[in-house]
Amino acid sequence: MKILDRVLNPREIRRRLGMNQEQFWTQIGVTQSGGSRYESGREMPRPVKELLRLVHVEQLDLSQVKRVDFEIISYLKESHPDLYRTLRRAVKSRHRHGPDTGVNLAGEGEGHAYDDQDDVTTTQPEVPPRL
């Protein structure tokens, strides 16, 4: 079993976010009935898993994600790796000291586990408070 399969339990994430199935699944383009099947154990396609992770775990607003942002990240990594690492550390520090945004499925007190070598998080952040 892959780590993504073990960690991404959609029902648990949805419940921790306090959402019903329709609210949760429509945000990533899945019908309520399709989401119910995934929550019952049906295999989730990789693109759906990734969307679930980005939208509900990492709390990204996909309407704000632009290709140019990824091009800037790639450019920084290749052309200015020291600056890139400095910026990553600053963001990492901000996440530790500010309010978390996302779902923590790793247990109490654990948040992002950034790897300085790439952009992959290995654990998920905590559930944000709902207003």
Protein backbone atom coordinates (compact mmCIF):
# COMPACT_ATOMS: atom_id res chain seq x y z
CA MET A 1 0.00 0.00 0.00
CA LYS A 2 1.37 3.41 -0.96
CA ILE A 3 1.64 6.18 1.62
CA LEU A 4 -0.88 8.33 -0.27
CA ASP A 5 -3.40 5.48 -0.10
CA ARG A 6 -2.91 5.03 3.64
CA VAL A 7 -3.06 8.70 4.52
CA LEU A 8 -5.85 9.94 2.25
CA ASN A 9 -8.98 8.52 3.79
CA PRO A 10 -11.60 10.73 2.15
CA ARG A 11 -14.32 10.06 4.72
CA GLU A 12 -11.98 10.98 7.58
CA ILE A 13 -10.84 14.17 5.81
CA ARG A 14 -14.44 15.15 5.03
CA ARG A 15 -15.56 14.57 8.59
CA ARG A 16 -12.64 16.52 10.04
CA LEU A 17 -13.57 19.41 7.78
CA GLY A 18 -17.19 19.21 8.92
CA MET A 19 -18.56 18.91 5.39
CA ASN A 20 -21.30 16.77 3.92
CA GLN A 21 -20.54 14.59 0.90
CA GLU A 22 -22.02 16.98 -1.64
CA GLN A 23 -20.02 19.97 -0.35
CA PHE A 24 -16.80 17.96 -0.17
CA TRP A 25 -16.89 16.09 -3.47
CA THR A 26 -18.29 18.81 -5.74
CA GLN A 27 -15.30 21.03 -4.92
CA ILE A 28 -13.13 18.56 -6.83
CA GLY A 29 -15.59 17.76 -9.62
CA VAL A 30 -16.95 14.48 -8.27
CA THR A 31 -20.64 13.79 -7.77
CA GLN A 32 -21.95 13.01 -4.31
CA SER A 33 -22.74 9.44 -5.35
CA GLY A 34 -19.27 8.97 -6.83
CA GLY A 35 -17.70 10.33 -3.66
CA SER A 36 -19.82 7.98 -1.58
CA ARG A 37 -18.42 5.05 -3.56
CA TYR A 38 -14.84 6.24 -2.92
CA GLU A 39 -15.60 6.59 0.78
CA SER A 40 -16.93 3.02 0.77
CA GLY A 41 -13.67 1.66 -0.59
CA ARG A 42 -13.87 1.90 -4.36
CA GLU A 43 -10.46 2.64 -5.90
CA MET A 44 -10.00 6.36 -6.44
CA PRO A 45 -8.23 7.38 -9.67
CA ARG A 46 -4.88 9.13 -9.15
CA PRO A 47 -6.11 12.51 -10.52
CA VAL A 48 -9.00 12.48 -8.03
CA LYS A 49 -6.60 11.64 -5.18
CA GLU A 50 -4.37 14.53 -6.19
CA LEU A 51 -7.27 16.96 -6.42
CA LEU A 52 -8.52 15.79 -3.02
CA ARG A 53 -5.05 16.34 -1.54
CA LEU A 54 -4.60 19.78 -3.10
CA VAL A 55 -8.07 21.14 -2.34
CA HIS A 56 -8.97 19.55 0.99
CA VAL A 57 -5.64 18.71 2.61
CA GLU A 58 -3.35 21.46 1.35
CA GLN A 59 -6.30 23.90 1.20
CA LEU A 60 -5.32 25.31 -2.21
CA ASP A 61 -7.77 27.48 -4.09
CA LEU A 62 -7.29 26.01 -7.55
CA SER A 63 -8.78 29.11 -9.17
CA GLN A 64 -5.70 30.99 -7.90
CA VAL A 65 -3.13 28.49 -9.23
CA LYS A 66 -1.49 29.70 -12.43
CA ARG A 67 1.04 28.00 -14.68
CA VAL A 68 3.37 30.99 -14.41
CA ASP A 69 3.65 30.37 -10.66
CA PHE A 70 5.06 26.91 -11.33
CA GLU A 71 7.38 28.33 -13.97
CA ILE A 72 8.70 30.81 -11.40
CA ILE A 73 9.27 27.99 -8.91
CA SER A 74 11.16 25.96 -11.51
CA TYR A 75 13.22 28.97 -12.48
CA LEU A 76 14.12 29.70 -8.86
CA LYS A 77 15.06 26.07 -8.20
CA GLU A 78 17.33 25.93 -11.24
CA SER A 79 18.81 29.43 -11.34
CA HIS A 80 18.81 30.52 -7.70
CA PRO A 81 18.71 27.39 -5.51
CA ASP A 82 19.96 29.26 -2.41
CA LEU A 83 17.19 31.84 -2.71
CA TYR A 84 14.64 29.06 -3.28
CA ARG A 85 15.78 27.23 -0.10
CA THR A 86 15.70 30.48 1.88
CA LEU A 87 12.15 31.20 0.73
CA ARG A 88 11.04 27.63 1.52
CA ARG A 89 12.47 27.92 5.04
CA ALA A 90 10.67 31.24 5.54
CA VAL A 91 7.36 29.70 4.45
CA LYS A 92 7.99 26.62 6.59
CA SER A 93 8.66 28.84 9.60
CA ARG A 94 5.51 30.84 8.91
CA HIS A 95 3.45 27.63 8.84
CA ARG A 96 4.90 26.55 12.18
CA HIS A 97 4.18 29.87 13.87
CA GLY A 98 0.91 30.82 12.19
CA PRO A 99 -2.46 29.13 11.89
CA ASP A 100 -2.38 25.84 10.03
CA THR A 101 -4.37 25.39 6.87
CA GLY A 102 -5.39 21.88 6.04
CA VAL A 103 -6.15 18.51 7.56
CA ASN A 104 -3.89 16.76 10.04
CA LEU A 105 -4.21 13.02 9.68
CA ALA A 106 -0.78 12.30 11.15
CA GLY A 107 -1.77 12.85 14.77
CA GLU A 108 -1.75 15.66 17.29
CA GLY A 109 1.00 18.22 17.07
CA GLU A 110 2.27 17.18 13.65
CA GLY A 111 2.04 19.49 10.66
CA HIS A 112 3.86 19.88 7.40
CA ALA A 113 6.96 17.78 6.94
CA TYR A 114 8.77 19.62 4.19
CA ASP A 115 11.62 18.02 2.34
CA ASP A 116 14.19 20.61 1.30
CA GLN A 117 14.94 18.59 -1.83
CA ASP A 118 11.49 18.85 -3.43
CA ASP A 119 7.94 20.14 -3.07
CA VAL A 120 6.37 17.03 -1.54
CA THR A 121 4.78 17.08 1.88
CA THR A 122 4.94 13.77 3.70
CA THR A 123 2.30 14.43 6.36
CA GLN A 124 -0.77 16.54 6.26
CA PRO A 125 -1.45 19.79 8.10
CA GLU A 126 -4.14 20.19 10.75
CA VAL A 127 -7.83 20.88 10.16
CA PRO A 128 -8.50 24.62 9.98
CA PRO A 129 -11.13 26.01 12.33
CA ARG A 130 -14.46 26.55 10.58
CA LEU A 131 -15.98 30.00 10.96
